[in-house]
Amino acid sequence: MKKFKFDFILIAILVASLIIWIVAWTINSSKENKKAVIDYDGNTIMEVSLDKDQEIKLYDLGNGKTLKYEMVIVVENNTIRVSENNCPNHDCIKEGKKDKIGDVIVCLPNKIIIRIVKA
């Protein structure tokens, strides 16, 4: 019976530690200065602060380069998402809002990758 009691206490301590770590990580990652890096075909075309609400329409990239499909990227409340895209599958729209460092939104038809990084 004592062995079971010791095992229960040990498991409870581990679970409590895990919960505390997850809460601390979530709070810490939401307070960090973050930005979104938008890459086209492996090259960075834009860096966007998540602190300022804005709407970005991407199609003409300059230098004669255009996306295959027009897309609209929305930054609001320290999150970023693709709100519109004329591509056939809309996977990037389905990915929803992203707000944590390391989060990624990918649009394969447009060769666009949106990454959240530390500012």
Protein backbone atom coordinates (compact mmCIF):
# COMPACT_ATOMS: atom_id res chain seq x y z
CA MET A 1 0.00 0.00 0.00
CA LYS A 2 2.87 2.40 0.76
CA LYS A 3 4.38 1.84 -2.68
CA PHE A 4 1.08 2.78 -4.36
CA LYS A 5 0.81 5.92 -2.22
CA PHE A 6 4.37 6.94 -3.17
CA ASP A 7 3.66 6.33 -6.87
CA PHE A 8 0.48 8.41 -6.67
CA ILE A 9 2.34 11.32 -5.01
CA LEU A 10 5.11 11.17 -7.61
CA ILE A 11 2.63 11.15 -10.52
CA ALA A 12 0.69 14.05 -8.97
CA ILE A 13 3.89 16.10 -8.65
CA LEU A 14 4.84 15.38 -12.28
CA VAL A 15 1.37 16.30 -13.57
CA ALA A 16 1.31 19.52 -11.51
CA SER A 17 4.78 20.45 -12.81
CA LEU A 18 3.67 19.85 -16.39
CA ILE A 19 0.57 22.02 -15.95
CA ILE A 20 2.62 24.84 -14.40
CA TRP A 21 5.15 24.64 -17.26
CA ILE A 22 2.42 24.77 -19.94
CA VAL A 23 0.73 27.78 -18.30
CA ALA A 24 4.05 29.62 -17.90
CA TRP A 25 5.04 28.88 -21.52
CA THR A 26 1.67 30.10 -22.84
CA ILE A 27 1.82 33.33 -20.84
CA ASN A 28 5.45 33.95 -21.81
CA SER A 29 4.93 33.30 -25.53
CA SER A 30 1.92 35.61 -25.70
CA LYS A 31 3.93 38.53 -24.22
CA GLU A 32 6.94 38.25 -26.54
CA ASN A 33 7.44 40.71 -29.36
CA LYS A 34 6.59 38.77 -32.49
CA LYS A 35 6.56 39.41 -36.19
CA ALA A 36 5.47 37.46 -39.23
CA VAL A 37 7.92 36.75 -42.02
CA ILE A 38 6.32 36.19 -45.42
CA ASP A 39 8.40 34.15 -47.87
CA TYR A 40 7.74 33.62 -51.56
CA ASP A 41 9.50 30.73 -53.26
CA GLY A 42 12.12 30.61 -50.49
CA ASN A 43 12.86 34.35 -50.41
CA THR A 44 11.60 36.79 -47.76
CA ILE A 45 9.35 39.39 -49.36
CA MET A 46 7.92 41.06 -46.26
CA GLU A 47 8.14 41.27 -42.47
CA VAL A 48 4.99 42.27 -40.61
CA SER A 49 4.64 43.34 -36.97
CA LEU A 50 1.81 41.59 -35.16
CA ASP A 51 1.36 44.63 -32.90
CA LYS A 52 -0.51 46.66 -35.52
CA ASP A 53 -3.84 45.55 -37.00
CA GLN A 54 -3.71 45.60 -40.80
CA GLU A 55 -4.84 43.93 -44.00
CA ILE A 56 -2.29 42.95 -46.64
CA LYS A 57 -3.30 42.15 -50.21
CA LEU A 58 -0.72 40.03 -52.01
CA TYR A 59 -0.66 39.52 -55.74
CA ASP A 60 1.87 41.74 -57.53
CA LEU A 61 5.28 41.15 -55.94
CA GLY A 62 7.16 43.56 -58.22
CA ASN A 63 9.96 42.78 -60.69
CA GLY A 64 7.40 41.13 -62.97
CA LYS A 65 6.53 38.49 -60.36
CA THR A 66 2.92 37.80 -59.43
CA LEU A 67 1.26 35.17 -57.32
CA LYS A 68 -0.83 32.57 -59.08
CA TYR A 69 -3.80 33.52 -56.87
CA GLU A 70 -4.54 36.77 -55.05
CA MET A 71 -4.54 36.42 -51.29
CA VAL A 72 -5.49 38.65 -48.35
CA ILE A 73 -3.61 38.37 -45.06
CA VAL A 74 -5.14 39.89 -41.92
CA VAL A 75 -3.25 40.90 -38.78
CA GLU A 76 -5.47 41.62 -35.77
CA ASN A 77 -5.17 41.22 -32.01
CA ASN A 78 -1.58 39.94 -32.29
CA THR A 79 -2.62 37.13 -34.65
CA ILE A 80 -2.19 36.54 -38.37
CA ARG A 81 -4.38 34.61 -40.79
CA VAL A 82 -5.20 34.30 -44.46
CA SER A 83 -8.75 35.59 -44.90
CA GLU A 84 -9.10 35.26 -48.67
CA ASN A 85 -7.40 33.22 -51.36
CA ASN A 86 -8.64 32.37 -54.84
CA CYS A 87 -6.84 29.01 -54.96
CA PRO A 88 -8.94 25.85 -55.34
CA ASN A 89 -8.28 24.15 -51.97
CA HIS A 90 -8.10 27.07 -49.44
CA ASP A 91 -5.81 25.12 -47.06
CA CYS A 92 -4.14 28.32 -45.87
CA ILE A 93 -7.51 29.79 -44.89
CA LYS A 94 -8.44 26.59 -43.03
CA GLU A 95 -5.27 26.88 -40.91
CA GLY A 96 -6.92 29.79 -39.07
CA LYS A 97 -5.28 32.32 -36.77
CA LYS A 98 -1.67 31.88 -35.71
CA ASP A 99 -0.06 33.70 -32.79
CA LYS A 100 2.82 31.68 -31.34
CA ILE A 101 6.48 31.80 -32.30
CA GLY A 102 7.12 28.88 -34.62
CA ASP A 103 3.60 28.81 -36.07
CA VAL A 104 3.45 28.53 -39.86
CA ILE A 105 0.82 29.09 -42.55
CA VAL A 106 1.55 27.57 -45.96
CA CYS A 107 -0.04 28.27 -49.34
CA LEU A 108 1.45 25.73 -51.75
CA PRO A 109 -0.18 27.00 -54.98
CA ASN A 110 1.23 30.50 -54.33
CA LYS A 111 4.56 29.27 -52.91
CA ILE A 112 3.91 31.45 -49.83
CA ILE A 113 5.04 30.60 -46.29
CA ILE A 114 4.09 32.82 -43.35
CA ARG A 115 6.21 32.20 -40.24
CA ILE A 116 5.90 33.79 -36.81
CA VAL A 117 9.30 34.61 -35.33
CA LYS A 118 10.68 36.60 -32.43
CA ALA A 119 10.96 40.28 -33.33
